[in-house]
Amino acid sequence: MPRANSSGRFIDFAAVATAAAIAVISVADAEDTQGAAMKEAQEIFSTRCSVCHGASGKGDGPGSAALNPKPRNFTDAAWQKSVSDEYIEKIIQFGGMAVGKSATMPGNPDLTAKPDVVKGLRATVRGLAQKN
């Protein structure tokens, strides 16, 4: 039931409480979604990316032995500074050819409908940079 506050305006406290509860739930849902997307991104990095890029991102995974050119070393600070987040997200989704690089870097078209997972993979790649 609305009540008048000290300035004579009516405040519906039930509506205010409901709005606050919805805001808290929305933030919690967003955090859960982001957490789930990051978890999926880490699993994808472990199962898909690390085969060639290695678990630590140095481009030394078991699948890299026969590749020419060798996979990107994500720990290279100079490379990290030279590329945009958009570049990393594009190569994750569409592969090396999409950015003028080797066709041996496959795309992940299944991730185009999962932008939060792509952002999580980009964050994973960025997190591998060595702090020089």
N, C-alpha and C. Protein backbone atom coordinates (compact mmCIF):
# COMPACT_ATOMS: atom_id res chain seq x y z
N MET A 1 0.84 -1.17 0.00
CA MET A 1 0.00 0.00 0.00
C MET A 1 0.89 1.24 0.00
N PRO A 2 0.61 2.20 -0.89
CA PRO A 2 1.43 3.42 -0.95
C PRO A 2 1.29 4.25 0.32
N ARG A 3 2.42 4.85 0.73
CA ARG A 3 2.42 5.75 1.89
C ARG A 3 3.10 7.05 1.48
N ALA A 4 2.74 8.12 2.13
CA ALA A 4 3.36 9.41 1.86
C ALA A 4 4.69 9.49 2.59
N ASN A 5 5.71 9.98 1.90
CA ASN A 5 6.99 10.20 2.57
C ASN A 5 7.02 11.62 3.13
N SER A 6 8.15 12.07 3.65
CA SER A 6 8.24 13.37 4.30
C SER A 6 7.96 14.53 3.35
N SER A 7 8.12 14.33 2.06
CA SER A 7 7.85 15.41 1.11
C SER A 7 6.43 15.35 0.56
N GLY A 8 5.63 14.43 1.09
CA GLY A 8 4.25 14.33 0.66
C GLY A 8 4.04 13.45 -0.56
N ARG A 9 5.11 12.86 -1.08
CA ARG A 9 4.99 11.96 -2.22
C ARG A 9 4.63 10.58 -1.74
N PHE A 10 3.88 9.89 -2.55
CA PHE A 10 3.48 8.54 -2.20
C PHE A 10 4.49 7.53 -2.73
N ILE A 11 4.84 6.58 -1.89
CA ILE A 11 5.79 5.54 -2.26
C ILE A 11 5.12 4.20 -2.04
N ASP A 12 5.16 3.39 -3.05
CA ASP A 12 4.61 2.03 -2.96
C ASP A 12 5.78 1.13 -2.56
N PHE A 13 5.93 0.86 -1.27
CA PHE A 13 7.06 0.11 -0.76
C PHE A 13 7.09 -1.32 -1.30
N ALA A 14 5.94 -1.90 -1.53
CA ALA A 14 5.90 -3.26 -2.10
C ALA A 14 6.49 -3.25 -3.50
N ALA A 15 6.17 -2.22 -4.28
CA ALA A 15 6.71 -2.12 -5.64
C ALA A 15 8.22 -1.90 -5.61
N VAL A 16 8.67 -1.07 -4.69
CA VAL A 16 10.11 -0.81 -4.55
C VAL A 16 10.83 -2.10 -4.15
N ALA A 17 10.27 -2.84 -3.19
CA ALA A 17 10.89 -4.10 -2.75
C ALA A 17 10.90 -5.12 -3.88
N THR A 18 9.82 -5.20 -4.65
CA THR A 18 9.77 -6.13 -5.78
C THR A 18 10.82 -5.77 -6.82
N ALA A 19 10.93 -4.48 -7.16
CA ALA A 19 11.92 -4.04 -8.14
C ALA A 19 13.33 -4.36 -7.67
N ALA A 20 13.60 -4.14 -6.40
CA ALA A 20 14.93 -4.45 -5.85
C ALA A 20 15.21 -5.94 -5.92
N ALA A 21 14.22 -6.76 -5.61
CA ALA A 21 14.41 -8.22 -5.67
C ALA A 21 14.67 -8.67 -7.09
N ILE A 22 13.95 -8.10 -8.05
CA ILE A 22 14.17 -8.45 -9.46
C ILE A 22 15.57 -8.07 -9.89
N ALA A 23 16.04 -6.90 -9.47
CA ALA A 23 17.39 -6.45 -9.82
C ALA A 23 18.44 -7.40 -9.27
N VAL A 24 18.27 -7.84 -8.02
CA VAL A 24 19.22 -8.76 -7.40
C VAL A 24 19.22 -10.10 -8.13
N ILE A 25 18.04 -10.59 -8.47
CA ILE A 25 17.94 -11.86 -9.19
C ILE A 25 18.57 -11.73 -10.57
N SER A 26 18.34 -10.60 -11.27
CA SER A 26 18.91 -10.39 -12.59
C SER A 26 20.44 -10.39 -12.55
N VAL A 27 21.00 -9.72 -11.55
CA VAL A 27 22.46 -9.70 -11.39
C VAL A 27 22.97 -11.11 -11.10
N ALA A 28 22.29 -11.84 -10.24
CA ALA A 28 22.71 -13.20 -9.92
C ALA A 28 22.62 -14.09 -11.15
N ASP A 29 21.55 -13.97 -11.94
CA ASP A 29 21.42 -14.75 -13.17
C ASP A 29 22.54 -14.43 -14.15
N ALA A 30 22.86 -13.14 -14.28
CA ALA A 30 23.93 -12.72 -15.19
C ALA A 30 25.27 -13.31 -14.73
N GLU A 31 25.52 -13.27 -13.43
CA GLU A 31 26.77 -13.83 -12.91
C GLU A 31 26.83 -15.34 -13.12
N ASP A 32 25.68 -16.03 -12.92
CA ASP A 32 25.64 -17.47 -13.17
C ASP A 32 25.91 -17.78 -14.64
N THR A 33 25.29 -16.98 -15.53
CA THR A 33 25.49 -17.17 -16.97
C THR A 33 26.94 -16.96 -17.32
N GLN A 34 27.53 -15.89 -16.82
CA GLN A 34 28.93 -15.61 -17.11
C GLN A 34 29.83 -16.70 -16.53
N GLY A 35 29.51 -17.17 -15.33
CA GLY A 35 30.29 -18.24 -14.72
C GLY A 35 30.20 -19.52 -15.53
N ALA A 36 28.99 -19.84 -15.99
CA ALA A 36 28.79 -21.05 -16.80
C ALA A 36 29.51 -20.91 -18.14
N ALA A 37 29.46 -19.72 -18.74
CA ALA A 37 30.14 -19.50 -20.02
C ALA A 37 31.66 -19.61 -19.85
N MET A 38 32.17 -19.07 -18.75
CA MET A 38 33.62 -19.14 -18.51
C MET A 38 34.04 -20.58 -18.27
N LYS A 39 33.23 -21.33 -17.56
CA LYS A 39 33.55 -22.74 -17.33
C LYS A 39 33.57 -23.49 -18.65
N GLU A 40 32.58 -23.23 -19.50
CA GLU A 40 32.54 -23.88 -20.82
C GLU A 40 33.75 -23.46 -21.65
N ALA A 41 34.12 -22.19 -21.59
CA ALA A 41 35.28 -21.70 -22.33
C ALA A 41 36.56 -22.42 -21.88
N GLN A 42 36.72 -22.59 -20.59
CA GLN A 42 37.91 -23.29 -20.08
C GLN A 42 37.92 -24.75 -20.52
N GLU A 43 36.75 -25.38 -20.54
CA GLU A 43 36.67 -26.77 -21.01
C GLU A 43 37.01 -26.85 -22.49
N ILE A 44 36.52 -25.91 -23.28
CA ILE A 44 36.83 -25.89 -24.72
C ILE A 44 38.32 -25.66 -24.92
N PHE A 45 38.90 -24.73 -24.17
CA PHE A 45 40.34 -24.50 -24.32
C PHE A 45 41.10 -25.79 -24.03
N SER A 46 40.71 -26.49 -22.98
CA SER A 46 41.40 -27.73 -22.59
C SER A 46 41.25 -28.83 -23.63
N THR A 47 40.06 -28.92 -24.24
CA THR A 47 39.82 -30.03 -25.17
C THR A 47 40.12 -29.71 -26.62
N ARG A 48 39.95 -28.47 -27.03
CA ARG A 48 40.17 -28.12 -28.44
C ARG A 48 41.48 -27.35 -28.65
N CYS A 49 41.65 -26.28 -27.93
CA CYS A 49 42.75 -25.36 -28.19
C CYS A 49 44.11 -25.89 -27.74
N SER A 50 44.13 -26.52 -26.57
CA SER A 50 45.41 -26.95 -26.01
C SER A 50 46.06 -28.07 -26.81
N VAL A 51 45.30 -28.75 -27.64
CA VAL A 51 45.88 -29.80 -28.49
C VAL A 51 47.03 -29.23 -29.32
N CYS A 52 46.83 -28.04 -29.85
CA CYS A 52 47.90 -27.40 -30.63
C CYS A 52 48.62 -26.29 -29.87
N HIS A 53 47.86 -25.48 -29.14
CA HIS A 53 48.46 -24.33 -28.45
C HIS A 53 49.11 -24.72 -27.13
N GLY A 54 48.84 -25.91 -26.63
CA GLY A 54 49.41 -26.36 -25.36
C GLY A 54 48.60 -25.87 -24.18
N ALA A 55 48.68 -26.59 -23.08
CA ALA A 55 47.92 -26.24 -21.88
C ALA A 55 48.30 -24.87 -21.35
N SER A 56 49.54 -24.47 -21.52
CA SER A 56 49.98 -23.16 -21.04
C SER A 56 49.98 -22.11 -22.14
N GLY A 57 49.51 -22.49 -23.34
CA GLY A 57 49.36 -21.53 -24.43
C GLY A 57 50.62 -21.15 -25.16
N LYS A 58 51.67 -21.94 -25.03
CA LYS A 58 52.94 -21.59 -25.67
C LYS A 58 53.08 -22.10 -27.10
N GLY A 59 52.01 -22.72 -27.63
CA GLY A 59 52.07 -23.24 -29.00
C GLY A 59 52.79 -24.56 -29.09
N ASP A 60 52.86 -25.26 -27.97
CA ASP A 60 53.65 -26.50 -27.90
C ASP A 60 52.82 -27.72 -27.56
N GLY A 61 51.54 -27.70 -27.95
CA GLY A 61 50.69 -28.85 -27.69
C GLY A 61 51.10 -30.04 -28.53
N PRO A 62 50.64 -31.24 -28.20
CA PRO A 62 51.04 -32.43 -28.94
C PRO A 62 50.68 -32.39 -30.42
N GLY A 63 49.64 -31.68 -30.78
CA GLY A 63 49.25 -31.58 -32.18
C GLY A 63 50.08 -30.59 -32.98
N SER A 64 50.93 -29.85 -32.33
CA SER A 64 51.71 -28.81 -33.02
C SER A 64 52.94 -29.35 -33.74
N ALA A 65 53.36 -30.54 -33.41
CA ALA A 65 54.61 -31.08 -33.96
C ALA A 65 54.66 -31.06 -35.48
N ALA A 66 53.58 -31.44 -36.12
CA ALA A 66 53.57 -31.55 -37.59
C ALA A 66 53.07 -30.28 -38.27
N LEU A 67 52.74 -29.26 -37.52
CA LEU A 67 52.16 -28.06 -38.13
C LEU A 67 53.21 -27.06 -38.58
N ASN A 68 52.96 -26.47 -39.73
CA ASN A 68 53.79 -25.40 -40.25
C ASN A 68 52.85 -24.42 -40.94
N PRO A 69 52.69 -23.24 -40.43
CA PRO A 69 53.40 -22.63 -39.31
C PRO A 69 52.95 -23.20 -37.97
N LYS A 70 53.79 -22.99 -36.97
CA LYS A 70 53.50 -23.45 -35.62
C LYS A 70 52.36 -22.62 -35.03
N PRO A 71 51.61 -23.18 -34.10
CA PRO A 71 50.53 -22.43 -33.46
C PRO A 71 51.06 -21.21 -32.69
N ARG A 72 50.20 -20.23 -32.56
CA ARG A 72 50.53 -18.99 -31.87
C ARG A 72 50.90 -19.27 -30.41
N ASN A 73 51.93 -18.57 -29.94
CA ASN A 73 52.34 -18.59 -28.55
C ASN A 73 51.59 -17.47 -27.84
N PHE A 74 50.57 -17.83 -27.09
CA PHE A 74 49.72 -16.83 -26.42
C PHE A 74 50.42 -16.14 -25.27
N THR A 75 51.56 -16.66 -24.82
CA THR A 75 52.27 -16.03 -23.71
C THR A 75 53.13 -14.86 -24.17
N ASP A 76 53.26 -14.68 -25.48
CA ASP A 76 54.08 -13.62 -26.06
C ASP A 76 53.42 -12.26 -25.83
N ALA A 77 54.00 -11.47 -24.94
CA ALA A 77 53.42 -10.17 -24.57
C ALA A 77 53.35 -9.22 -25.76
N ALA A 78 54.34 -9.27 -26.63
CA ALA A 78 54.33 -8.39 -27.81
C ALA A 78 53.15 -8.72 -28.72
N TRP A 79 52.89 -10.02 -28.93
CA TRP A 79 51.74 -10.41 -29.75
C TRP A 79 50.45 -9.98 -29.07
N GLN A 80 50.35 -10.19 -27.77
CA GLN A 80 49.15 -9.82 -27.03
C GLN A 80 48.83 -8.33 -27.22
N LYS A 81 49.86 -7.50 -27.19
CA LYS A 81 49.66 -6.06 -27.35
C LYS A 81 49.30 -5.69 -28.79
N SER A 82 49.67 -6.54 -29.73
CA SER A 82 49.49 -6.21 -31.15
C SER A 82 48.11 -6.56 -31.70
N VAL A 83 47.32 -7.31 -30.95
CA VAL A 83 46.02 -7.74 -31.46
C VAL A 83 44.88 -7.23 -30.59
N SER A 84 43.75 -7.00 -31.23
CA SER A 84 42.56 -6.54 -30.50
C SER A 84 41.76 -7.73 -29.99
N ASP A 85 40.87 -7.45 -29.06
CA ASP A 85 39.97 -8.48 -28.57
C ASP A 85 39.10 -9.01 -29.72
N GLU A 86 38.68 -8.10 -30.61
CA GLU A 86 37.85 -8.50 -31.74
C GLU A 86 38.58 -9.48 -32.65
N TYR A 87 39.88 -9.25 -32.86
CA TYR A 87 40.70 -10.14 -33.68
C TYR A 87 40.71 -11.54 -33.07
N ILE A 88 40.95 -11.62 -31.78
CA ILE A 88 40.99 -12.92 -31.10
C ILE A 88 39.64 -13.62 -31.21
N GLU A 89 38.57 -12.88 -30.98
CA GLU A 89 37.24 -13.48 -31.07
C GLU A 89 36.93 -13.95 -32.49
N LYS A 90 37.37 -13.21 -33.48
CA LYS A 90 37.13 -13.58 -34.88
C LYS A 90 37.87 -14.87 -35.24
N ILE A 91 39.12 -14.97 -34.85
CA ILE A 91 39.88 -16.18 -35.18
C ILE A 91 39.36 -17.39 -34.42
N ILE A 92 38.88 -17.19 -33.20
CA ILE A 92 38.29 -18.29 -32.44
C ILE A 92 37.07 -18.84 -33.19
N GLN A 93 36.22 -17.95 -33.66
CA GLN A 93 34.98 -18.38 -34.30
C GLN A 93 35.16 -18.85 -35.74
N PHE A 94 36.01 -18.15 -36.50
CA PHE A 94 36.07 -18.40 -37.94
C PHE A 94 37.38 -18.97 -38.45
N GLY A 95 38.37 -19.10 -37.58
CA GLY A 95 39.62 -19.73 -37.97
C GLY A 95 40.65 -18.77 -38.55
N GLY A 96 41.83 -19.32 -38.82
CA GLY A 96 42.96 -18.53 -39.29
C GLY A 96 42.73 -17.79 -40.59
N MET A 97 42.06 -18.42 -41.52
CA MET A 97 41.84 -17.78 -42.82
C MET A 97 41.01 -16.51 -42.71
N ALA A 98 40.16 -16.42 -41.70
CA ALA A 98 39.31 -15.24 -41.52
C ALA A 98 40.11 -13.99 -41.20
N VAL A 99 41.34 -14.17 -40.73
CA VAL A 99 42.19 -13.03 -40.39
C VAL A 99 43.50 -13.05 -41.19
N GLY A 100 43.49 -13.77 -42.30
CA GLY A 100 44.67 -13.81 -43.15
C GLY A 100 45.79 -14.69 -42.63
N LYS A 101 45.46 -15.64 -41.79
CA LYS A 101 46.47 -16.56 -41.24
C LYS A 101 46.23 -17.97 -41.77
N SER A 102 46.95 -18.91 -41.25
CA SER A 102 46.92 -20.28 -41.74
C SER A 102 45.55 -20.95 -41.61
N ALA A 103 45.23 -21.73 -42.63
CA ALA A 103 43.99 -22.52 -42.61
C ALA A 103 44.08 -23.68 -41.63
N THR A 104 45.27 -23.97 -41.12
CA THR A 104 45.39 -25.06 -40.15
C THR A 104 44.80 -24.69 -38.79
N MET A 105 44.54 -23.39 -38.58
CA MET A 105 43.82 -22.97 -37.38
C MET A 105 42.34 -23.05 -37.73
N PRO A 106 41.65 -24.08 -37.20
CA PRO A 106 40.24 -24.24 -37.55
C PRO A 106 39.34 -23.25 -36.82
N GLY A 107 38.23 -22.98 -37.42
CA GLY A 107 37.22 -22.16 -36.77
C GLY A 107 36.36 -23.01 -35.84
N ASN A 108 35.56 -22.35 -35.09
CA ASN A 108 34.60 -22.99 -34.18
C ASN A 108 33.22 -22.41 -34.44
N PRO A 109 32.63 -22.75 -35.58
CA PRO A 109 31.35 -22.14 -35.95
C PRO A 109 30.24 -22.42 -34.95
N ASP A 110 30.38 -23.48 -34.17
CA ASP A 110 29.37 -23.77 -33.14
C ASP A 110 29.34 -22.70 -32.05
N LEU A 111 30.38 -21.88 -31.97
CA LEU A 111 30.45 -20.86 -30.93
C LEU A 111 29.88 -19.51 -31.36
N THR A 112 29.50 -19.37 -32.63
CA THR A 112 28.95 -18.08 -33.07
C THR A 112 27.66 -17.74 -32.34
N ALA A 113 26.95 -18.74 -31.87
CA ALA A 113 25.72 -18.51 -31.11
C ALA A 113 25.98 -18.44 -29.60
N LYS A 114 27.25 -18.44 -29.21
CA LYS A 114 27.61 -18.40 -27.80
C LYS A 114 28.62 -17.29 -27.54
N PRO A 115 28.19 -16.04 -27.65
CA PRO A 115 29.14 -14.93 -27.50
C PRO A 115 29.81 -14.88 -26.14
N ASP A 116 29.13 -15.29 -25.08
CA ASP A 116 29.76 -15.27 -23.76
C ASP A 116 30.88 -16.31 -23.66
N VAL A 117 30.72 -17.44 -24.33
CA VAL A 117 31.77 -18.46 -24.34
C VAL A 117 32.96 -17.95 -25.14
N VAL A 118 32.70 -17.29 -26.27
CA VAL A 118 33.78 -16.71 -27.08
C VAL A 118 34.54 -15.69 -26.25
N LYS A 119 33.83 -14.85 -25.52
CA LYS A 119 34.49 -13.86 -24.65
C LYS A 119 35.31 -14.56 -23.57
N GLY A 120 34.80 -15.67 -23.06
CA GLY A 120 35.54 -16.44 -22.07
C GLY A 120 36.82 -17.03 -22.65
N LEU A 121 36.75 -17.51 -23.89
CA LEU A 121 37.96 -18.02 -24.55
C LEU A 121 38.95 -16.89 -24.79
N ARG A 122 38.45 -15.73 -25.22
CA ARG A 122 39.33 -14.59 -25.41
C ARG A 122 40.00 -14.21 -24.09
N ALA A 123 39.24 -14.21 -23.02
CA ALA A 123 39.80 -13.89 -21.70
C ALA A 123 40.84 -14.92 -21.29
N THR A 124 40.60 -16.17 -21.64
CA THR A 124 41.56 -17.23 -21.34
C THR A 124 42.86 -16.98 -22.10
N VAL A 125 42.75 -16.65 -23.38
CA VAL A 125 43.93 -16.35 -24.20
C VAL A 125 44.66 -15.14 -23.63
N ARG A 126 43.92 -14.10 -23.29
CA ARG A 126 44.54 -12.89 -22.72
C ARG A 126 45.21 -13.20 -21.38
N GLY A 127 44.63 -14.09 -20.63
CA GLY A 127 45.18 -14.45 -19.32
C GLY A 127 46.50 -15.21 -19.39
N LEU A 128 46.83 -15.70 -20.56
CA LEU A 128 48.08 -16.47 -20.72
C LEU A 128 49.29 -15.57 -20.99
N ALA A 129 49.05 -14.28 -21.19
CA ALA A 129 50.15 -13.35 -21.49
C ALA A 129 51.15 -13.31 -20.34
N GLN A 130 52.42 -13.32 -20.71
CA GLN A 130 53.45 -13.15 -19.69
C GLN A 130 53.57 -11.67 -19.37
N LYS A 131 53.68 -11.37 -18.12
CA LYS A 131 53.82 -9.98 -17.71
C LYS A 131 55.30 -9.60 -17.71
N ASN A 132 55.71 -8.97 -18.82
CA ASN A 132 57.12 -8.57 -18.95
C ASN A 132 57.30 -7.10 -18.66
